[in-house]
Protein backbone atom coordinates (compact mmCIF):
# COMPACT_ATOMS: atom_id res chain seq x y z
CA MET A 1 31.70 76.38 -117.69
CA ASP A 2 33.66 73.14 -117.60
CA GLN A 3 35.17 72.18 -114.26
CA PRO A 4 38.97 71.73 -114.29
CA LEU A 5 40.12 68.14 -114.08
CA PRO A 6 41.49 67.14 -110.66
CA ILE A 7 45.24 66.86 -110.46
CA ILE A 8 46.21 63.23 -109.81
CA PRO A 9 49.73 62.97 -108.42
CA ASN A 10 52.06 60.59 -110.17
CA ARG A 11 52.41 57.49 -107.97
CA TRP A 12 55.40 55.27 -108.32
CA ARG A 13 54.56 51.74 -109.34
CA ARG A 14 56.74 50.35 -106.56
CA PHE A 15 54.23 51.73 -104.03
CA SER A 16 51.44 49.76 -105.70
CA GLU A 17 53.57 46.64 -105.57
CA TRP A 18 54.25 47.21 -101.89
CA ASP A 19 50.51 47.51 -101.28
CA ASP A 20 50.02 44.05 -102.80
CA ARG A 21 52.72 42.32 -100.76
CA PRO A 22 51.58 39.86 -98.06
CA LEU A 23 53.83 41.71 -95.60
CA ARG A 24 51.25 44.52 -95.54
CA LEU A 25 48.93 42.18 -93.66
CA ASP A 26 51.34 41.90 -90.71
CA ASN A 27 50.44 44.09 -87.75
CA PHE A 28 52.03 44.84 -84.38
CA ALA A 29 50.33 44.83 -81.02
CA VAL A 30 50.71 47.87 -78.79
CA ASP A 31 53.12 47.32 -75.90
CA ASP A 32 51.00 46.55 -72.84
CA PRO A 33 53.20 44.99 -70.12
CA GLU A 34 50.36 44.83 -67.60
CA ASN A 35 48.47 42.48 -69.91
CA GLY A 36 51.51 40.44 -70.93
CA PHE A 37 52.34 42.17 -74.22
CA SER A 38 56.04 42.75 -73.57
CA ALA A 39 58.82 40.87 -75.36
CA MET A 40 61.77 41.65 -73.10
CA SER A 41 62.63 43.64 -69.99
CA GLY A 42 59.04 43.87 -68.80
CA ALA A 43 58.04 46.41 -66.18
CA CYS A 44 56.99 43.60 -63.82
CA ASP A 45 60.00 41.35 -64.40
CA PRO A 46 61.88 40.76 -61.13
CA LYS A 47 65.35 42.15 -60.55
CA PRO A 48 68.08 39.48 -60.65
CA GLY A 49 69.39 38.38 -57.30
CA VAL A 50 70.32 35.35 -55.22
CA GLU A 51 71.07 34.66 -51.57
CA VAL A 52 72.74 31.48 -50.34
CA ILE A 53 72.60 30.49 -46.67
CA GLY A 54 74.11 27.24 -45.46
CA GLY A 55 74.46 25.82 -48.95
CA ARG A 56 70.79 26.47 -49.74
CA ILE A 57 69.08 29.08 -51.93
CA ALA A 58 67.39 31.39 -49.40
CA ALA A 59 66.14 33.94 -51.94
CA MET A 60 66.04 34.18 -55.73
CA ASP A 61 65.11 37.10 -57.98
CA GLY A 62 63.60 39.07 -55.12
CA VAL A 63 61.52 36.20 -53.71
CA ALA A 64 62.29 34.65 -50.32
CA GLU A 65 62.37 30.86 -50.08
CA ALA A 66 59.23 30.85 -47.92
CA ASP A 67 57.35 32.57 -50.76
CA PHE A 68 58.63 30.39 -53.63
CA ASP A 69 56.02 29.00 -55.99
CA MET A 70 56.60 25.47 -57.27
CA ILE A 71 58.62 26.71 -60.27
CA ASP A 72 60.94 28.79 -58.07
CA MET A 73 61.37 25.84 -55.73
CA PHE A 74 62.21 23.41 -58.54
CA ILE A 75 64.73 25.80 -60.12
CA ALA A 76 66.36 26.64 -56.78
CA ARG A 77 66.73 23.00 -55.78
CA HIS A 78 67.67 21.41 -59.09
CA HIS A 79 69.04 24.07 -61.48
CA ILE A 80 71.05 26.61 -59.50
CA ASP A 81 74.61 25.52 -58.67
CA VAL A 82 74.98 26.86 -55.13
CA ARG A 83 78.78 26.57 -55.36
CA THR A 84 79.10 29.08 -58.20
CA THR A 85 75.90 31.12 -58.17
CA GLU A 86 77.11 34.08 -56.09
CA ALA A 87 80.21 34.55 -58.25
CA SER A 88 78.23 34.15 -61.49
CA MET A 89 75.48 36.54 -60.41
CA ALA A 90 78.07 39.18 -59.44
CA ILE A 91 79.21 39.61 -63.07
CA PRO A 92 77.43 42.61 -64.64
CA ALA A 93 74.87 41.64 -67.28
CA LEU A 94 76.46 43.74 -70.03
CA GLU A 95 79.88 42.24 -69.37
CA MET A 96 78.44 38.73 -69.55
CA ALA A 97 76.64 39.58 -72.80
CA ARG A 98 79.98 40.59 -74.29
CA MET A 99 81.48 37.31 -73.09
CA LEU A 100 78.84 35.43 -75.09
CA VAL A 101 80.04 36.98 -78.35
CA ASP A 102 83.75 36.82 -77.48
CA MET A 103 85.30 34.00 -79.50
CA ASN A 104 88.24 33.86 -77.07
CA ILE A 105 86.04 32.71 -74.17
CA PRO A 106 85.31 28.95 -74.49
CA ARG A 107 81.78 27.63 -74.63
CA THR A 108 82.45 25.38 -71.65
CA ASP A 109 83.24 28.38 -69.44
CA MET A 110 80.00 30.10 -70.42
CA VAL A 111 77.95 26.96 -69.73
CA LYS A 112 79.39 26.76 -66.21
CA LEU A 113 78.40 30.38 -65.63
CA ALA A 114 74.84 29.72 -66.83
CA HIS A 115 74.38 26.97 -64.26
CA GLY A 116 74.72 29.58 -61.53
CA LEU A 117 72.36 32.16 -63.03
CA THR A 118 68.73 32.77 -62.13
CA PRO A 119 66.02 33.16 -64.80
CA ALA A 120 65.92 36.95 -64.35
CA LYS A 121 69.69 37.22 -64.79
CA LEU A 122 69.68 35.03 -67.90
CA ALA A 123 66.94 37.15 -69.47
CA GLU A 124 68.71 40.39 -68.54
CA VAL A 125 71.97 39.28 -70.17
CA VAL A 126 70.61 38.23 -73.58
CA ALA A 127 68.35 41.30 -73.75
CA HIS A 128 71.51 43.37 -74.29
CA LEU A 129 72.30 41.63 -77.60
CA THR A 130 71.24 42.69 -81.09
CA ALA A 131 69.85 40.21 -83.61
CA MET A 132 73.28 39.83 -85.24
CA GLU A 133 74.96 39.27 -81.88
CA LEU A 134 72.32 36.72 -80.90
CA SER A 135 73.03 34.78 -84.11
CA PHE A 136 76.79 34.85 -83.52
CA ALA A 137 76.43 33.81 -79.88
CA TYR A 138 74.06 31.00 -80.84
CA SER A 139 76.57 29.66 -83.37
CA LYS A 140 79.22 29.67 -80.65
CA MET A 141 77.06 28.14 -77.92
CA ARG A 142 74.94 25.52 -79.68
CA ALA A 143 75.22 22.03 -78.21
CA ARG A 144 74.91 20.26 -81.55
CA LYS A 145 77.93 20.67 -83.83
CA THR A 146 76.00 20.21 -87.09
CA PRO A 147 72.37 21.42 -87.38
CA GLY A 148 69.81 18.85 -88.46
CA ASN A 149 66.32 19.01 -89.92
CA GLN A 150 63.11 17.42 -88.69
CA GLY A 151 60.35 16.42 -91.10
CA HIS A 152 56.64 15.93 -90.40
CA VAL A 153 55.04 12.88 -92.00
CA THR A 154 51.24 13.02 -91.92
CA ASN A 155 48.25 12.61 -94.20
CA ALA A 156 44.58 13.50 -93.93
CA LYS A 157 43.38 9.87 -93.93
CA ASP A 158 45.96 8.49 -91.46
CA ASP A 159 46.73 5.89 -94.15
CA PRO A 160 49.46 3.58 -92.74
CA LEU A 161 50.78 2.52 -96.16
CA GLN A 162 51.15 6.10 -97.33
CA LEU A 163 52.74 7.09 -94.01
CA ALA A 164 55.33 4.31 -94.30
CA ALA A 165 56.16 5.34 -97.87
CA ASP A 166 56.40 9.03 -96.93
CA ALA A 167 58.61 8.22 -93.93
CA ALA A 168 60.99 6.27 -96.18
CA THR A 169 61.02 9.21 -98.59
CA ALA A 170 61.86 11.60 -95.74
CA VAL A 171 64.81 9.38 -94.81
CA ALA A 172 65.99 9.48 -98.43
CA PHE A 173 65.79 13.28 -98.36
CA GLY A 174 68.16 13.29 -95.39
CA PHE A 175 65.93 14.27 -92.47
CA ASP A 176 67.53 13.39 -89.12
CA GLU A 177 64.20 13.14 -87.31
CA ILE A 178 60.65 12.31 -88.37
CA GLU A 179 57.52 13.28 -86.46
CA THR A 180 53.97 12.16 -87.13
CA THR A 181 50.67 13.46 -85.84
CA MET A 182 47.22 12.05 -86.43
CA ARG A 183 43.86 13.39 -87.49
CA VAL A 184 42.02 10.94 -85.22
CA SER A 185 43.64 10.29 -81.84
CA ARG A 186 42.88 6.56 -81.80
CA ASN A 187 45.04 6.15 -84.91
CA ALA A 188 48.19 6.99 -82.94
CA TRP A 189 49.41 3.39 -82.71
CA SER A 190 48.90 2.55 -86.39
CA ASN A 191 50.58 5.81 -87.41
CA ALA A 192 53.49 5.06 -85.09
CA LEU A 193 53.96 1.55 -86.46
CA ALA A 194 53.80 2.76 -90.07
CA CYS A 195 56.34 5.55 -89.60
CA CYS A 196 58.59 3.35 -87.48
CA VAL A 197 58.81 0.87 -90.37
CA GLY A 198 59.26 3.57 -93.02
CA ALA A 199 61.92 5.44 -91.02
CA ALA A 200 64.04 2.28 -90.86
CA VAL A 201 64.30 2.01 -94.66
CA GLY A 202 67.29 3.32 -96.60
CA ARG A 203 69.73 4.25 -93.85
CA TRP A 204 70.12 3.84 -90.12
CA GLY A 205 70.04 6.55 -87.50
CA THR A 206 66.84 8.45 -88.33
CA LEU A 207 64.87 9.07 -85.14
CA PHE A 208 61.08 8.90 -85.03
CA GLN A 209 58.41 10.46 -82.82
CA CYS A 210 54.64 9.98 -82.59
CA SER A 211 53.21 13.22 -81.21
CA SER A 212 50.20 12.22 -79.14
CA GLU A 213 48.76 12.70 -75.65
CA GLU A 214 51.63 12.48 -73.16
CA ALA A 215 50.66 9.20 -71.46
CA GLU A 216 49.93 7.44 -74.75
CA GLU A 217 53.10 8.80 -76.32
CA LEU A 218 55.09 7.32 -73.43
CA GLN A 219 53.37 3.94 -73.92
CA ILE A 220 54.25 4.00 -77.63
CA GLY A 221 57.87 4.71 -76.73
CA MET A 222 57.95 1.93 -74.12
CA ALA A 223 56.63 -0.46 -76.78
CA GLY A 224 59.62 0.39 -78.96
CA PHE A 225 57.80 2.18 -81.77
CA SER A 226 59.42 5.60 -81.25
CA SER A 227 62.97 6.72 -80.53
CA TYR A 228 62.47 10.30 -79.36
CA ALA A 229 59.85 12.57 -77.81
CA GLU A 230 59.50 16.34 -77.57
CA THR A 231 55.91 17.16 -76.66
CA ILE A 232 56.41 17.32 -72.89
CA SER A 233 55.05 20.82 -72.37
CA VAL A 234 56.56 23.17 -69.78
CA TYR A 235 55.18 26.56 -68.71
CA GLY A 236 56.63 29.64 -67.05
CA THR A 237 53.90 30.30 -64.46
CA GLU A 238 52.41 28.14 -61.74
CA LYS A 239 48.81 28.77 -62.85
CA ALA A 240 49.60 27.49 -66.35
CA PHE A 241 50.96 24.28 -64.84
CA VAL A 242 47.95 23.86 -62.56
CA ASP A 243 45.59 24.43 -65.50
CA GLY A 244 47.09 21.34 -67.14
CA ASP A 245 47.07 19.26 -63.92
CA ASP A 246 50.87 19.23 -64.00
CA THR A 247 53.90 20.17 -61.92
CA PRO A 248 57.62 20.37 -62.70
CA TRP A 249 58.00 17.09 -60.81
CA SER A 250 55.46 15.25 -62.98
CA LYS A 251 57.34 16.45 -66.08
CA ALA A 252 60.62 15.32 -64.52
CA PHE A 253 59.08 11.88 -63.98
CA LEU A 254 58.18 11.70 -67.67
CA THR A 255 61.72 12.72 -68.57
CA ALA A 256 63.15 9.94 -66.40
CA ALA A 257 60.70 7.40 -67.86
CA TYR A 258 61.86 8.13 -71.41
CA ALA A 259 65.51 8.05 -70.35
CA SER A 260 65.00 4.64 -68.74
CA ARG A 261 64.36 3.19 -72.21
CA GLY A 262 67.10 5.15 -73.97
CA ILE A 263 64.58 7.37 -75.75
CA LYS A 264 65.85 10.82 -76.68
CA MET A 265 63.69 13.44 -75.02
CA ARG A 266 63.12 17.17 -75.41
CA CYS A 267 60.62 19.40 -73.64
CA THR A 268 58.46 21.93 -75.47
CA SER A 269 58.02 25.54 -74.44
CA GLY A 270 58.16 28.87 -76.22
CA ALA A 271 57.21 32.51 -75.88
CA GLY A 272 53.55 33.40 -75.80
CA SER A 273 52.08 30.21 -74.35
CA GLU A 274 51.35 31.76 -70.95
CA LEU A 275 49.99 34.90 -72.63
CA LEU A 276 47.62 32.85 -74.78
CA MET A 277 46.43 30.93 -71.71
CA GLY A 278 45.88 34.12 -69.72
CA PHE A 279 48.39 33.19 -66.99
CA HIS A 280 51.24 35.58 -67.84
CA GLU A 281 51.44 37.36 -64.43
CA SER A 282 52.32 40.58 -66.36
CA LYS A 283 55.82 39.23 -67.00
CA SER A 284 57.72 39.52 -70.29
CA LEU A 285 57.85 36.67 -72.78
CA LEU A 286 61.62 36.27 -72.38
CA TYR A 287 61.58 36.07 -68.58
CA LEU A 288 58.85 33.42 -68.57
CA GLU A 289 60.73 31.39 -71.18
CA ALA A 290 63.93 31.68 -69.12
CA ARG A 291 62.04 30.02 -66.25
CA CYS A 292 60.90 27.25 -68.61
CA LEU A 293 64.43 26.57 -69.82
CA CYS A 294 65.89 26.50 -66.31
CA MET A 295 63.27 23.90 -65.39
CA GLN A 296 64.08 21.80 -68.43
CA ARG A 297 67.76 21.72 -67.58
CA ALA A 298 66.86 20.84 -63.98
CA MET A 299 64.70 17.94 -65.21
CA GLY A 300 67.64 16.43 -67.07
CA ALA A 301 66.06 16.82 -70.52
CA GLN A 302 68.47 16.47 -73.43
CA GLY A 303 67.05 19.46 -75.23
CA THR A 304 64.14 21.75 -75.90
CA GLN A 305 61.75 22.64 -78.68
CA ASN A 306 61.24 26.40 -78.45
CA GLY A 307 61.81 29.61 -80.37
CA GLY A 308 58.38 29.80 -81.94
CA ILE A 309 55.98 26.95 -81.34
CA ASP A 310 52.23 27.62 -81.07
CA GLY A 311 52.82 31.04 -79.52
CA ALA A 312 55.02 32.33 -82.36
CA PRO A 313 52.28 34.39 -84.09
CA VAL A 314 51.50 36.35 -80.93
CA ALA A 315 55.21 36.72 -80.08
CA ALA A 316 55.99 38.02 -83.58
CA SER A 317 53.18 40.56 -83.32
CA ILE A 318 54.82 42.24 -80.31
CA ALA A 319 57.55 44.82 -80.91
CA GLY A 320 60.88 43.01 -80.56
CA GLY A 321 59.13 39.64 -80.56
CA VAL A 322 61.23 37.98 -83.27
CA ARG A 323 64.41 39.09 -81.49
CA GLU A 324 62.94 37.54 -78.35
CA LEU A 325 62.49 34.23 -80.18
CA MET A 326 66.17 34.36 -81.15
CA ALA A 327 67.12 35.23 -77.57
CA GLU A 328 65.27 32.25 -76.10
CA ASN A 329 67.04 29.95 -78.59
CA LEU A 330 70.34 31.35 -77.31
CA LEU A 331 69.28 30.77 -73.70
CA ALA A 332 68.56 27.13 -74.54
CA VAL A 333 72.01 26.39 -75.94
CA TRP A 334 73.69 28.50 -73.25
CA LEU A 335 72.09 26.16 -70.71
CA ASP A 336 73.60 23.25 -72.69
CA LEU A 337 70.29 22.06 -74.13
CA GLU A 338 69.97 20.87 -77.71
CA CYS A 339 67.66 23.40 -79.35
CA ALA A 340 65.03 22.35 -81.88
CA SER A 341 63.89 25.78 -83.02
CA GLY A 342 60.21 25.36 -83.76
CA ASN A 343 58.43 26.33 -86.95
CA ASP A 344 55.10 24.68 -86.23
CA ALA A 345 53.13 27.92 -86.47
CA ARG A 346 52.99 30.47 -89.28
CA SER A 347 54.15 33.70 -87.68
CA SER A 348 53.86 36.04 -90.67
CA GLU A 349 52.07 36.53 -93.97
CA SER A 350 55.43 37.27 -95.60
CA GLU A 351 57.15 34.35 -97.31
CA ILE A 352 60.47 36.15 -96.90
CA ARG A 353 60.00 36.46 -93.13
CA ILE A 354 58.92 32.83 -92.89
CA GLY A 355 61.99 31.76 -94.85
CA ALA A 356 64.28 33.86 -92.66
CA LYS A 357 62.83 32.31 -89.50
CA ILE A 358 63.70 28.74 -90.49
CA LEU A 359 67.39 29.45 -91.06
CA PRO A 360 69.52 27.58 -88.47
């Protein structure tokens, strides 16, 4: 006797198309605050707080001055405005979040408030905002009136002639800044010279950077071949700094060295760097980035490159991670830093998500 044919349910074609979309390859990590996989409001994040005694920060975010690590010490001495901090910290976080999206409260007033806030308070405030509110607040708070674009000019052979031609083309396309990297580190100087020449063709005002090792990049700037720098890396935990033989003070020295020659300078940070290095201290991505941004303001840097640099793929894989990237961009402009929102790393398999991320 013939067996009856199996019943195959009718499957909509749209489901098959969804199965073929690159977005299907994106996955999320399970929230694990103990191991650093927490975008915002981590279980181990400190509670906001500040204590001022005799015009000096005696305690910050639950840590007494005697127990400060070098990041706490740098922020307390050079970022926190002791004249306004107690009044600023007394404002409830939710009320301050509403002030960020209130068009009737001037940007200048909000910037003054930020100068009296600790990293934990800054992170707590922006964590209250939705993605739409973060975008609105960013538009209100950004330091640069008109957004600009940065172009990368590189080639596999480090060919100076091609680099010069490509740099001139980038200027013609309207890029405000041009950055070059090199395949072989010893080619840094020839790449810098080539792009410096090319970037000067067509119109004035295009800035140029040669992204190299920090000491060599400074030498290139001192020689007059570059007009801005942004690869001065800053981290949110002391162990991450020590791993790179750095301190906030050494980064501040670099900042001052660039400023002494009139070279525009931004630091680089961004969520996920401490997690990737294994020095996250079980803190959330947003809190650690808030520490980075407070340090950068304290150093006197003109701006920051954050919001998704090398750590963007891991940040985007955590629930709420993309909203965290938006929140750290807002923190940057709230602290009166020019924000170069990074797109150096591919954070998704979806072209739509990648396109959405690069919108100013």
